[in-house]
């Protein structure tokens, strides 16, 4: 971000090469909001904030699932049937492909940046909605939030809802908050 520091009449401006490149491709200016606090002026780019939040959100469903599921808890779980393992590998591979598309939509320079971010938000909302639908529908199909040889619930850091929290439900709930923050940023809800 561009910082302008004013001290005792001296002005100092730090502008990184990355910011110069970003400004060139993103056309920063029309979507930026200047913020001032204690003599420091900073350009607040809501599209950049949304891009960062949506990158974190997409990494949650497109990359972290590879780490979480391509191991003995899922893809090579000896308790799972071979066809169930096939489906989880197919699912995770699809997530990686769609995640790469989402990353391109987030960071590719050019027009329609906000519209592309809304599409990425929709992709994330579909993934997380499907997770919570599967969670709610577990009694119908005999599912479980975890297996005996999988990721077990952990002691709740804040035991308000339950004494133990499920790892997936916790991670996806945090990801939903990041998604909501990204939506607020892309809509420029923080502009005053």
Protein backbone atom coordinates (compact mmCIF):
# COMPACT_ATOMS: atom_id res chain seq x y z
CA UNK A 1 0.00 0.00 0.00
CA UNK A 2 1.08 3.55 -0.55
CA UNK A 3 2.06 5.34 2.65
CA UNK A 4 2.69 9.05 3.03
CA UNK A 5 4.28 9.98 6.34
CA UNK A 6 4.36 13.63 7.38
CA UNK A 7 6.71 14.57 10.20
CA UNK A 8 7.83 18.10 11.09
CA UNK A 9 7.22 19.44 7.60
CA UNK A 10 9.25 16.68 5.95
CA UNK A 11 7.34 14.42 3.60
CA UNK A 12 8.36 10.87 2.93
CA UNK A 13 6.58 8.58 0.54
CA UNK A 14 7.21 4.86 0.27
CA UNK A 15 5.81 3.18 -2.78
CA UNK A 16 6.77 -0.41 -3.44
CA UNK A 17 7.38 -1.87 -6.88
CA UNK A 18 4.54 -4.28 -6.27
CA UNK A 19 2.20 -1.35 -5.60
CA UNK A 20 3.32 0.40 -8.80
CA UNK A 21 2.62 -2.73 -10.84
CA UNK A 22 -0.70 -3.30 -9.09
CA UNK A 23 -1.74 0.32 -9.63
CA UNK A 24 -0.87 0.08 -13.31
CA UNK A 25 -2.94 -3.05 -13.97
CA UNK A 26 -5.79 -2.41 -11.54
CA UNK A 27 -6.22 1.27 -12.33
CA UNK A 28 -6.14 2.23 -8.66
CA UNK A 29 -7.61 5.60 -8.02
CA UNK A 30 -11.29 5.33 -8.75
CA UNK A 31 -11.77 2.46 -6.30
CA UNK A 32 -9.48 3.82 -3.58
CA UNK A 33 -10.42 5.59 -0.41
CA UNK A 34 -7.88 7.83 1.31
CA UNK A 35 -7.64 7.28 5.06
CA UNK A 36 -5.89 9.71 7.42
CA UNK A 37 -4.82 9.06 10.98
CA UNK A 38 -2.24 10.94 13.09
CA UNK A 39 -0.43 12.50 10.14
CA UNK A 40 -0.34 9.26 8.12
CA UNK A 41 -2.23 9.07 4.83
CA UNK A 42 -2.85 5.63 3.40
CA UNK A 43 -4.64 4.51 0.27
CA UNK A 44 -7.28 1.92 1.18
CA UNK A 45 -8.11 -0.15 -1.86
CA UNK A 46 -11.22 -2.19 -1.16
CA UNK A 47 -10.66 -4.36 -4.25
CA UNK A 48 -7.19 -5.33 -3.00
CA UNK A 49 -8.62 -6.19 0.43
CA UNK A 50 -11.33 -8.29 -1.23
CA UNK A 51 -8.72 -10.03 -3.40
CA UNK A 52 -6.66 -10.95 -0.34
CA UNK A 53 -9.69 -12.23 1.59
CA UNK A 54 -10.99 -14.21 -1.38
CA UNK A 55 -7.50 -15.67 -1.91
CA UNK A 56 -7.54 -16.92 1.70
CA UNK A 57 -11.09 -18.22 1.31
CA UNK A 58 -10.28 -20.02 -1.96
CA UNK A 59 -7.10 -21.49 -0.49
CA UNK A 60 -9.30 -23.00 2.23
CA UNK A 61 -11.39 -25.06 -0.17
CA UNK A 62 -8.93 -25.49 -3.05
CA UNK A 63 -5.56 -26.08 -1.37
CA UNK A 64 -6.01 -26.96 2.29
CA UNK A 65 -8.36 -29.78 1.34
CA UNK A 66 -5.44 -31.40 -0.53
CA UNK A 67 -3.39 -31.37 2.67
CA UNK A 68 -6.33 -32.50 4.80
CA UNK A 69 -7.72 -35.21 2.50
CA UNK A 70 -4.88 -36.79 0.47
CA UNK A 71 -3.76 -38.99 3.35
CA UNK A 72 -4.83 -41.90 5.57
CA UNK A 73 -7.79 -39.95 6.95
CA UNK A 74 -9.54 -39.84 3.57
CA UNK A 75 -7.96 -40.81 0.21
CA UNK A 76 -5.99 -43.76 1.57
CA UNK A 77 -8.18 -44.52 4.58
CA UNK A 78 -8.20 -48.33 4.88
CA UNK A 79 -11.69 -48.24 6.40
CA UNK A 80 -13.16 -46.59 3.31
CA UNK A 81 -14.32 -48.54 0.30
CA UNK A 82 -12.22 -48.11 -2.84
CA UNK A 83 -15.07 -46.32 -4.60
CA UNK A 84 -15.46 -43.83 -1.74
CA UNK A 85 -11.72 -43.10 -1.96
CA UNK A 86 -12.11 -42.61 -5.72
CA UNK A 87 -14.82 -40.02 -5.11
CA UNK A 88 -12.78 -38.05 -2.58
CA UNK A 89 -9.79 -37.91 -4.95
CA UNK A 90 -12.09 -36.79 -7.77
CA UNK A 91 -13.67 -34.15 -5.51
CA UNK A 92 -10.34 -32.75 -4.31
CA UNK A 93 -8.90 -32.71 -7.83
CA UNK A 94 -11.98 -30.78 -8.98
CA UNK A 95 -11.52 -28.32 -6.12
CA UNK A 96 -7.92 -27.71 -7.17
CA UNK A 97 -8.97 -27.04 -10.77
CA UNK A 98 -11.78 -24.70 -9.80
CA UNK A 99 -9.45 -23.09 -7.26
CA UNK A 100 -6.91 -22.29 -9.99
CA UNK A 101 -9.73 -20.71 -11.99
CA UNK A 102 -10.77 -18.70 -8.92
CA UNK A 103 -7.19 -17.50 -8.34
CA UNK A 104 -7.03 -16.36 -11.98
CA UNK A 105 -10.34 -14.51 -11.60
CA UNK A 106 -9.08 -12.85 -8.43
CA UNK A 107 -5.66 -11.71 -9.63
CA UNK A 108 -5.86 -11.42 -13.43
CA UNK A 109 -5.43 -7.77 -14.37
CA UNK A 110 -8.03 -6.02 -16.42
CA UNK A 111 -11.60 -4.86 -16.42
CA UNK A 112 -14.53 -6.20 -14.42
CA UNK A 113 -12.47 -6.85 -11.28
CA UNK A 114 -15.46 -6.49 -8.95
CA UNK A 115 -17.65 -8.71 -11.13
CA UNK A 116 -14.95 -11.40 -11.18
CA UNK A 117 -14.70 -11.20 -7.39
CA UNK A 118 -18.46 -11.70 -7.09
CA UNK A 119 -18.10 -14.84 -9.22
CA UNK A 120 -15.32 -16.11 -6.92
CA UNK A 121 -17.54 -15.38 -3.91
CA UNK A 122 -20.33 -17.40 -5.53
CA UNK A 123 -17.93 -20.31 -6.16
CA UNK A 124 -16.87 -20.27 -2.50
CA UNK A 125 -20.46 -19.98 -1.32
CA UNK A 126 -21.40 -23.05 -3.38
CA UNK A 127 -18.56 -25.11 -1.87
CA UNK A 128 -19.34 -24.07 1.70
CA UNK A 129 -23.11 -24.36 1.27
CA UNK A 130 -22.64 -27.90 -0.06
CA UNK A 131 -20.55 -28.74 3.01
CA UNK A 132 -23.23 -27.52 5.42
CA UNK A 133 -25.99 -29.24 3.41
CA UNK A 134 -24.04 -32.51 3.67
CA UNK A 135 -23.59 -31.88 7.39
CA UNK A 136 -27.29 -31.23 8.00
CA UNK A 137 -28.35 -34.19 5.84
CA UNK A 138 -26.10 -36.73 7.61
CA UNK A 139 -29.05 -38.52 9.27
CA UNK A 140 -30.59 -39.12 5.84
CA UNK A 141 -27.56 -40.86 4.31
CA UNK A 142 -25.88 -42.20 7.48
CA UNK A 143 -22.88 -39.86 7.31
CA UNK A 144 -20.53 -38.74 10.03
CA UNK A 145 -18.58 -35.56 10.60
CA UNK A 146 -15.44 -37.63 11.26
CA UNK A 147 -14.16 -41.21 11.35
CA UNK A 148 -12.48 -43.02 14.22
CA UNK A 149 -9.20 -42.95 12.30
CA UNK A 150 -9.75 -39.44 10.93
CA UNK A 151 -9.61 -35.91 12.31
CA UNK A 152 -11.16 -36.10 15.77
CA UNK A 153 -12.92 -33.20 17.47
CA UNK A 154 -10.62 -31.06 19.57
CA UNK A 155 -11.06 -29.31 22.91
CA UNK A 156 -13.00 -26.11 22.34
CA UNK A 157 -10.92 -22.97 22.88
CA UNK A 158 -14.19 -21.23 23.77
CA UNK A 159 -16.62 -23.87 25.11
CA UNK A 160 -19.76 -21.85 24.42
CA UNK A 161 -21.49 -24.14 21.93
CA UNK A 162 -19.83 -27.42 22.85
CA UNK A 163 -16.89 -28.74 24.85
CA UNK A 164 -15.37 -30.22 21.68
CA UNK A 165 -15.31 -28.74 18.20
CA UNK A 166 -15.17 -30.57 14.89
CA UNK A 167 -12.14 -29.57 12.80
CA UNK A 168 -14.07 -29.31 9.50
CA UNK A 169 -17.01 -27.40 10.92
CA UNK A 170 -14.64 -24.99 12.67
CA UNK A 171 -12.47 -24.44 9.58
CA UNK A 172 -15.43 -23.94 7.24
CA UNK A 173 -17.15 -21.58 9.68
CA UNK A 174 -14.01 -19.43 9.77
CA UNK A 175 -13.89 -19.57 5.97
CA UNK A 176 -17.50 -18.32 5.83
CA UNK A 177 -16.46 -15.32 7.93
CA UNK A 178 -13.60 -14.62 5.52
CA UNK A 179 -16.06 -14.92 2.61
CA UNK A 180 -18.39 -12.43 4.30
CA UNK A 181 -15.48 -10.03 4.88
CA UNK A 182 -14.50 -10.31 1.23
CA UNK A 183 -18.05 -9.52 0.15
CA UNK A 184 -18.11 -6.48 2.42
CA UNK A 185 -14.81 -5.34 0.94
CA UNK A 186 -15.78 -5.82 -2.69
CA UNK A 187 -19.05 -3.92 -2.17
CA UNK A 188 -16.98 -1.15 -0.56
CA UNK A 189 -19.07 -1.37 2.61
CA UNK A 190 -16.15 0.07 4.57
CA UNK A 191 -16.17 3.38 2.67
CA UNK A 192 -17.38 6.13 4.86
